[in-house]
Structure formats: structure tokens, C-alpha cells
Protein backbone atom coordinates (compact mmCIF):
# COMPACT_ATOMS: atom_id res chain seq x y z
CA MET A 1 0.12 -0.18 0.08
CA LYS A 2 1.51 3.61 -1.06
CA GLN A 3 1.84 5.77 1.59
CA ASN A 4 0.15 9.61 0.91
CA TRP A 5 2.04 11.10 3.84
CA ASN A 6 5.45 12.57 4.45
CA TRP A 7 6.79 15.70 6.62
CA GLN A 8 6.88 17.92 3.59
CA SER A 9 3.44 17.25 2.27
CA TRP A 10 2.30 17.35 6.33
CA TRP A 11 3.27 21.03 7.18
CA LYS A 12 2.91 23.56 4.73
CA PRO A 13 -1.02 22.60 4.54
CA THR A 14 -1.16 22.54 7.95
CA LEU A 15 0.38 26.28 8.14
CA ALA A 16 -2.28 27.08 5.52
CA VAL A 17 -5.18 25.73 7.56
CA ALA A 18 -4.15 27.21 10.70
CA THR A 19 -4.05 30.48 9.44
CA PHE A 20 -7.47 29.96 7.68
CA ILE A 21 -9.05 28.65 10.53
CA GLY A 22 -7.86 31.12 12.85
CA MET A 23 -8.81 33.96 10.19
CA PHE A 24 -12.09 32.55 10.32
CA GLU A 25 -12.74 31.97 14.00
CA TRP A 26 -11.47 35.91 14.52
CA ALA A 27 -14.03 36.82 12.05
CA PHE A 28 -17.09 34.83 12.98
CA HIS A 29 -16.51 35.04 16.57
CA TRP A 30 -15.26 38.21 17.18
CA VAL A 31 -16.74 40.24 14.58
CA LEU A 32 -20.28 38.62 13.28
CA LEU A 33 -21.34 37.31 16.57
CA LYS A 34 -19.85 39.64 19.12
CA ASP A 35 -23.46 41.15 20.05
CA MET A 36 -24.56 37.32 20.52
CA TYR A 37 -22.02 37.02 23.36
CA ALA A 38 -22.59 40.49 24.65
CA GLU A 39 -26.03 39.10 25.18
CA THR A 40 -24.69 36.40 27.16
CA ALA A 41 -22.16 37.83 28.75
CA SER A 42 -22.49 36.00 31.83
CA LEU A 43 -21.66 32.98 30.48
CA TRP A 44 -18.06 33.59 28.73
CA ARG A 45 -14.73 34.51 30.49
CA THR A 46 -13.90 38.26 30.62
CA HIS A 47 -11.80 39.43 27.30
CA ALA A 48 -9.22 39.72 29.68
CA GLU A 49 -9.40 35.99 30.67
CA MET A 50 -9.59 34.74 27.16
CA LEU A 51 -6.46 36.74 25.76
CA ASP A 52 -4.71 35.06 29.09
CA LYS A 53 -5.60 31.64 27.30
CA THR A 54 -4.44 32.76 23.80
CA TRP A 55 -1.35 30.17 24.06
CA LEU A 56 -4.43 27.22 24.44
CA MET A 57 -6.06 28.06 21.58
CA VAL A 58 -3.39 28.19 19.22
CA GLY A 59 -2.07 25.26 20.46
CA ALA A 60 -5.70 23.47 19.82
CA LEU A 61 -6.16 25.24 16.54
CA LEU A 62 -2.57 23.79 15.27
CA LEU A 63 -3.66 20.40 16.59
CA PHE A 64 -6.60 20.49 15.20
CA SER A 65 -5.01 21.76 11.50
CA ALA A 66 -2.56 18.95 11.66
CA TRP A 67 -5.13 16.31 12.62
CA LEU A 68 -7.39 17.37 9.67
CA VAL A 69 -4.19 17.47 7.21
CA TRP A 70 -3.12 14.36 8.58
CA LEU A 71 -6.52 12.63 8.27
CA TYR A 72 -7.22 14.01 4.55
CA PRO A 73 -4.95 11.72 2.75
CA LYS A 74 -6.79 8.26 4.23
CA GLY A 75 -9.48 9.28 1.66
CA TYR A 76 -7.67 10.86 -0.82
CA GLU A 77 -8.60 9.30 -4.33
CA GLY A 78 -6.39 12.00 -6.63
CA LYS A 79 -9.44 13.32 -8.44
CA SER A 80 -9.36 17.04 -7.82
CA LYS A 81 -8.40 19.86 -5.86
CA TRP A 82 -11.96 19.87 -4.90
CA GLU A 83 -11.62 16.80 -2.80
CA GLY A 84 -10.67 18.72 0.14
CA ALA A 85 -14.09 20.65 0.11
CA ARG A 86 -15.77 17.32 0.24
CA PHE A 87 -13.67 16.28 2.83
CA GLY A 88 -14.49 19.33 4.71
CA LEU A 89 -18.03 18.80 4.36
CA TRP A 90 -17.82 15.21 6.06
CA MET A 91 -15.66 16.63 8.89
CA GLY A 92 -18.01 19.64 9.13
CA MET A 93 -20.82 17.76 9.61
CA LEU A 94 -19.40 15.32 11.83
CA PHE A 95 -18.26 18.65 14.43
CA SER A 96 -21.57 19.93 13.74
CA VAL A 97 -23.56 17.56 15.52
CA MET A 98 -21.23 17.62 18.49
CA VAL A 99 -21.61 21.43 18.46
CA ALA A 100 -25.71 21.54 17.96
CA SER A 101 -25.41 19.28 21.40
CA TRP A 102 -23.91 22.16 23.12
CA TYR A 103 -27.27 23.73 22.93
CA ALA A 104 -28.81 21.04 25.38
CA ILE A 105 -25.85 22.01 27.51
CA LEU A 106 -25.16 25.91 27.68
CA PRO A 107 -28.05 28.10 28.25
CA ILE A 108 -27.45 30.16 24.86
CA PRO A 109 -30.39 31.09 22.76
CA ALA A 110 -31.01 28.75 19.49
CA THR A 111 -29.90 31.53 17.52
CA LEU A 112 -26.67 31.17 18.81
CA ALA A 113 -26.59 27.27 18.45
CA TRP A 114 -27.43 27.44 15.12
CA ALA A 115 -25.35 30.14 14.01
CA TRP A 116 -22.34 27.79 15.53
CA VAL A 117 -23.59 24.82 13.60
CA ALA A 118 -23.65 26.91 10.38
CA GLY A 119 -20.16 28.28 11.32
CA THR A 120 -18.54 25.10 12.19
CA LEU A 121 -19.98 23.62 8.80
CA ILE A 122 -18.46 26.70 6.83
CA GLU A 123 -15.27 26.47 8.67
CA CYS A 124 -14.69 22.93 7.84
CA ILE A 125 -15.54 23.00 4.12
CA GLY A 126 -13.21 26.07 3.87
CA ALA A 127 -10.39 24.22 5.79
CA GLY A 128 -10.97 21.12 3.43
CA ALA A 129 -10.39 23.20 0.21
CA VAL A 130 -7.21 24.80 1.58
CA ILE A 131 -6.08 21.08 2.15
CA GLY A 132 -7.15 19.99 -1.27
CA TRP A 133 -5.12 23.03 -2.72
CA THR A 134 -2.19 22.96 -0.80
CA TRP A 135 -1.61 19.17 -0.26
CA LYS A 136 0.50 17.20 -2.13
CA PRO A 137 1.14 13.48 -1.89
CA ALA A 138 4.20 11.95 -1.42
CA LYS A 139 6.43 10.81 -4.01
């Protein structure tokens, strides 16, 4: 069985995906959903506390990106650069189910829960597309 993974085919897409996700997360949560978070401020850490935990978010972002890039070649067919978007769709559907369940745990408005579900789906499709366009099979 041919191995589709190596260090060189992994690190560039990982950094590209981490960059995309970081930018998406900022735009989605800090800009688009800012007002919804303000309405539910009692549920969240303060801005200062969040900034103090930035290292944890960056670490999680890098691990998540690395995991997606590592997983991508397992189903790689070599048919199109858009395979990544399809991969992202599947990952987005998987993660969206988990995100949707948070509505049962957190006292948040349904509109925020649905925004998270849609955002997760969009983010994963975008991350998958970035992988599809940057990942190269091992030679």
C-alpha cells in the first residue's frame, strides 16, 4: 500500500489551514457573533481571561489543523483539488453534530447554537478546500 503522507506534504497545509481557521474564527466569533456574545456575557470568560488563554487556543488550533491534514490522505482519491472541500463537508457534518449538542448543555439562544452549527460547517468546508489546494501526495 502506497503511503500518501510525509513531513513535507504535511507541514505547509497544516500552517495554511491553521491560518485560515484562525482568520475565520476571529471574523466569525469576534466580529459576526460579537453582539450575541454580549447578550450572553455572563456565560463567558472576560476578554482579559480569554487573552490570557490565547496560548491554549493557538495550540488547539495547530493540533486541530494538523489532525485534519493527517486525516485527509486516508480518503484521498486524486481526482480533483476540490476533494478537500468534500472532505471538509464530511468533517463539518461530524463536528456540527457535537456543536449542536452544546445547546442542550449551555443556556444559549437557539440562534447562537444554529450560528455555531453553520459556522462549523462553513469553517470545515473552507479548511478542507485549503487542504485540497495545498496538500501534495508523497512522491
